[in-house]
Amino acid sequence: MIVVSGLSKSFASERGTVHVLREIDLEIRAGERVAVVGMSGAGKTTLMHLLGGLDRPTQGKVEFEGKDIFRYSVPELDAFRNRSIGFVFQFHQLLPEFTALENVMMPARIGRIPLSEARERAEHLLNAVGLQHRLEHKPGQLSGGEQQRVAIARALVMGPRLLLADEPTGNLDSTTAEDIVQLLDHMHSEYNLTMVLVTHNQKLAAGMDRVIHMEDGLLNGS
């Protein structure tokens, strides 16, 4: 599903060039669950951003189902992300002025899905993550675990084929983190997802199909 070739990312600093990723080659099969682990600063989040087209590499390419995503124009890449990739972040990134339902509907509205269909999709997903009683609550009225469930529902509302999650349990207590681990596993099966997760949670990583270790911008797979 995803083929990464010679992927590098660097930037200039006062002390010279900083190499964040170094000519990474990686293949991810459709339906696979991959955990990316490593120390802070190893390049995990940068890799995630490049896989999702949120940033552009210094060199190399990311092919999604045979197409190099960085050959898309900016509008084409935006549309590709909206319809094909779901993102879950450590700090939820929910819009505080909108309800749970409105937050989940947002990608669908950006994708020009009719209002009634966007609402139906959002309600279905919030029910699937156990928040059918929280539709009209705003993020400030939800617990950390509930906010992350909203974020997962939002990531899935466009029916993406790929879910990218950056430390999805990193800001949660152990009990809530376990709930989120189980939910992600269920969503993977229910929605036929391919998942790539950056995590420090060893239990979450151990439950994946494959664990890739990052160090100094390089990968070591297992």
Protein backbone atom coordinates (compact mmCIF):
# COMPACT_ATOMS: atom_id res chain seq x y z
CA MET A 1 0.00 0.00 0.00
CA ILE A 2 2.80 2.41 0.94
CA VAL A 3 6.32 2.35 -0.48
CA VAL A 4 8.85 4.82 0.91
CA SER A 5 12.08 5.23 -1.06
CA GLY A 6 15.18 7.21 -0.08
CA LEU A 7 13.16 9.47 2.20
CA SER A 8 15.24 12.21 3.81
CA LYS A 9 14.43 15.35 5.72
CA SER A 10 16.93 17.98 6.78
CA PHE A 11 16.99 21.65 7.59
CA ALA A 12 19.58 24.34 8.02
CA SER A 13 20.50 25.69 11.44
CA GLU A 14 23.12 28.06 12.82
CA ARG A 15 25.32 25.03 13.51
CA GLY A 16 24.91 23.55 10.04
CA THR A 17 22.56 21.05 8.43
CA VAL A 18 20.42 18.94 10.75
CA HIS A 19 19.47 15.55 9.32
CA VAL A 20 16.15 14.40 10.78
CA LEU A 21 15.55 11.45 8.44
CA ARG A 22 18.29 9.69 6.47
CA GLU A 23 17.35 7.93 3.21
CA ILE A 24 14.63 5.73 4.68
CA ASP A 25 13.21 2.80 2.71
CA LEU A 26 10.01 1.24 4.01
CA GLU A 27 7.06 -0.81 2.78
CA ILE A 28 3.70 -1.08 4.55
CA ARG A 29 1.16 -3.64 3.37
CA ALA A 30 -2.56 -2.99 3.15
CA GLY A 31 -4.26 -3.95 6.42
CA GLU A 32 -1.00 -4.02 8.36
CA ARG A 33 -0.62 -2.50 11.82
CA VAL A 34 2.83 -0.95 12.29
CA ALA A 35 4.23 0.62 15.45
CA VAL A 36 7.12 3.09 15.21
CA VAL A 37 9.09 3.40 18.43
CA GLY A 38 12.23 5.20 19.52
CA MET A 39 13.67 7.91 21.74
CA SER A 40 12.49 11.50 21.52
CA GLY A 41 14.20 13.23 18.60
CA ALA A 42 14.65 10.01 16.62
CA GLY A 43 12.50 11.34 13.76
CA LYS A 44 9.26 9.43 14.44
CA THR A 45 6.88 12.37 14.18
CA THR A 46 8.68 13.72 11.11
CA LEU A 47 8.24 10.34 9.43
CA MET A 48 4.54 10.38 10.34
CA HIS A 49 4.09 13.86 8.89
CA LEU A 50 5.77 12.84 5.64
CA LEU A 51 3.69 9.65 5.33
CA GLY A 52 0.59 11.80 5.69
CA GLY A 53 1.73 14.55 3.35
CA LEU A 54 1.72 17.14 6.14
CA ASP A 55 5.32 18.02 5.32
CA ARG A 56 7.54 17.60 2.27
CA PRO A 57 10.82 15.66 2.20
CA THR A 58 14.20 17.05 1.28
CA GLN A 59 14.51 14.09 -1.06
CA GLY A 60 12.89 10.73 -1.70
CA LYS A 61 9.27 9.78 -2.25
CA VAL A 62 6.21 8.29 -0.59
CA GLU A 63 4.08 6.17 -2.91
CA PHE A 64 0.51 5.49 -1.84
CA GLU A 65 -1.03 2.71 -3.94
CA GLY A 66 1.52 3.38 -6.67
CA LYS A 67 1.31 7.18 -6.77
CA ASP A 68 3.98 9.52 -5.40
CA ILE A 69 1.95 11.83 -3.18
CA PHE A 70 4.49 14.65 -3.51
CA ARG A 71 3.78 14.91 -7.23
CA TYR A 72 0.30 16.15 -6.39
CA SER A 73 -0.40 19.87 -6.53
CA VAL A 74 -1.21 21.50 -3.20
CA PRO A 75 -5.01 21.29 -3.74
CA GLU A 76 -4.68 17.68 -4.93
CA LEU A 77 -2.62 16.73 -1.88
CA ASP A 78 -5.12 18.41 0.43
CA ALA A 79 -7.96 16.46 -1.19
CA PHE A 80 -5.98 13.21 -1.00
CA ARG A 81 -5.34 13.64 2.73
CA ASN A 82 -8.98 14.47 3.36
CA ARG A 83 -10.36 11.36 1.68
CA SER A 84 -7.61 8.78 2.20
CA ILE A 85 -5.85 9.42 5.53
CA GLY A 86 -7.12 9.78 9.08
CA PHE A 87 -4.95 11.47 11.70
CA VAL A 88 -4.98 11.04 15.48
CA PHE A 89 -2.67 13.19 17.60
CA GLN A 90 -1.59 13.07 21.23
CA PHE A 91 -3.39 16.27 22.23
CA HIS A 92 -6.64 15.60 20.32
CA GLN A 93 -6.63 18.98 18.48
CA LEU A 94 -10.38 19.29 18.76
CA LEU A 95 -11.91 22.70 18.09
CA PRO A 96 -13.08 23.92 21.52
CA GLU A 97 -15.98 26.05 20.27
CA PHE A 98 -17.66 23.10 18.51
CA THR A 99 -19.51 20.09 19.91
CA ALA A 100 -18.25 16.52 19.62
CA LEU A 101 -20.67 15.98 16.75
CA GLU A 102 -19.53 19.12 14.93
CA ASN A 103 -15.85 18.22 15.41
CA VAL A 104 -16.39 14.79 13.87
CA MET A 105 -18.40 16.28 11.00
CA MET A 106 -15.67 18.80 10.15
CA PRO A 107 -13.57 16.70 7.69
CA ALA A 108 -16.76 15.63 5.91
CA ARG A 109 -17.89 19.23 5.53
CA ILE A 110 -14.42 20.19 4.26
CA GLY A 111 -14.76 17.29 1.82
CA ARG A 112 -18.09 18.78 0.65
CA ILE A 113 -20.18 15.92 1.95
CA PRO A 114 -23.83 17.05 2.23
CA LEU A 115 -24.79 18.17 5.73
CA SER A 116 -27.28 15.39 6.37
CA GLU A 117 -24.82 12.69 5.31
CA ALA A 118 -21.97 14.27 7.30
CA ARG A 119 -24.18 14.29 10.40
CA GLU A 120 -25.24 10.68 9.84
CA ARG A 121 -21.61 9.55 9.48
CA ALA A 122 -20.55 11.46 12.59
CA GLU A 123 -23.40 10.14 14.71
CA HIS A 124 -22.65 6.57 13.59
CA LEU A 125 -18.98 6.88 14.50
CA LEU A 126 -19.60 8.56 17.85
CA ASN A 127 -21.95 5.71 18.65
CA ALA A 128 -19.25 3.24 17.54
CA VAL A 129 -16.73 4.76 19.97
CA GLY A 130 -19.27 4.78 22.81
CA LEU A 131 -20.11 8.49 22.88
CA GLN A 132 -23.69 8.53 21.65
CA HIS A 133 -24.63 10.34 24.88
CA ARG A 134 -22.02 13.07 24.33
CA LEU A 135 -22.93 14.38 20.89
CA GLU A 136 -23.67 17.94 22.00
CA HIS A 137 -20.86 18.23 24.55
CA LYS A 138 -17.93 20.49 23.76
CA PRO A 139 -14.33 19.27 24.30
CA GLY A 140 -14.01 21.15 27.62
CA GLN A 141 -16.90 19.09 28.96
CA LEU A 142 -15.25 15.77 28.05
CA SER A 143 -12.57 13.72 29.80
CA GLY A 144 -9.22 13.12 28.12
CA GLY A 145 -10.26 9.64 27.04
CA GLU A 146 -13.55 10.91 25.66
CA GLN A 147 -11.75 13.62 23.71
CA GLN A 148 -9.46 11.02 22.17
CA ARG A 149 -12.48 8.92 21.21
CA VAL A 150 -13.93 11.96 19.45
CA ALA A 151 -10.59 12.43 17.68
CA ILE A 152 -10.64 8.80 16.51
CA ALA A 153 -14.20 9.19 15.23
CA ARG A 154 -13.17 12.37 13.40
CA ALA A 155 -10.21 10.54 11.82
CA LEU A 156 -12.54 7.89 10.41
CA VAL A 157 -15.45 10.01 9.20
CA MET A 158 -14.22 10.14 5.59
CA GLY A 159 -13.66 6.37 5.43
CA PRO A 160 -9.85 6.58 5.07
CA ARG A 161 -7.74 3.59 4.09
CA LEU A 162 -4.80 4.69 6.26
CA LEU A 163 -4.85 5.78 9.91
CA LEU A 164 -1.80 7.63 11.25
CA ALA A 165 -1.66 8.04 15.02
CA ASP A 166 1.07 10.01 16.82
CA GLU A 167 1.24 9.00 20.50
CA PRO A 168 -2.52 8.32 20.71
CA THR A 169 -2.22 7.23 24.37
CA GLY A 170 0.61 9.55 25.39
CA ASN A 171 -1.54 12.02 27.31
CA LEU A 172 -3.76 9.46 29.09
CA ASP A 173 -3.65 7.51 32.34
CA SER A 174 -2.96 3.77 32.07
CA THR A 175 -6.58 2.64 32.38
CA THR A 176 -7.83 5.11 29.77
CA ALA A 177 -4.86 4.28 27.52
CA GLU A 178 -5.84 0.61 27.62
CA ASP A 179 -9.37 1.53 26.55
CA ILE A 180 -7.99 3.50 23.60
CA VAL A 181 -5.70 0.59 22.62
CA GLN A 182 -8.71 -1.73 22.54
CA LEU A 183 -10.73 0.82 20.58
CA LEU A 184 -8.01 1.26 17.95
CA ASP A 185 -7.74 -2.50 17.57
CA HIS A 186 -11.51 -2.75 17.10
CA MET A 187 -11.56 0.12 14.59
CA HIS A 188 -8.74 -1.50 12.60
CA SER A 189 -10.79 -4.65 12.22
CA GLU A 190 -14.19 -3.00 11.77
CA TYR A 191 -13.10 -0.47 9.13
CA ASN A 192 -10.41 -2.51 7.33
CA LEU A 193 -7.71 0.03 8.12
CA THR A 194 -3.99 0.13 7.60
CA MET A 195 -2.47 1.71 10.73
CA VAL A 196 0.87 3.31 11.50
CA LEU A 197 1.29 4.39 15.13
CA VAL A 198 4.07 6.34 16.78
CA THR A 199 4.11 5.31 20.41
CA HIS A 200 6.09 4.99 23.64
CA ASN A 201 3.42 2.59 24.92
CA GLN A 202 5.17 -0.79 24.86
CA LYS A 203 1.92 -2.72 25.29
CA LEU A 204 0.38 -0.91 22.34
CA ALA A 205 3.49 -1.52 20.21
CA ALA A 206 3.65 -5.21 21.16
CA GLY A 207 0.09 -5.72 19.92
CA MET A 208 0.89 -4.50 16.42
CA ASP A 209 1.80 -6.73 13.47
CA ARG A 210 5.24 -5.16 13.20
CA VAL A 211 7.45 -2.89 15.29
CA ILE A 212 9.94 -0.53 13.66
CA HIS A 213 12.62 1.07 15.80
CA MET A 214 13.93 4.53 14.92
CA GLU A 215 17.25 5.98 16.00
CA ASP A 216 18.95 9.10 14.68
CA GLY A 217 16.69 9.26 11.64
CA LEU A 218 17.23 5.64 10.64
CA LEU A 219 14.92 2.61 10.78
CA ASN A 220 15.48 -0.86 12.17
CA GLY A 221 12.50 -3.14 11.52
CA SER A 222 11.49 -6.27 13.37
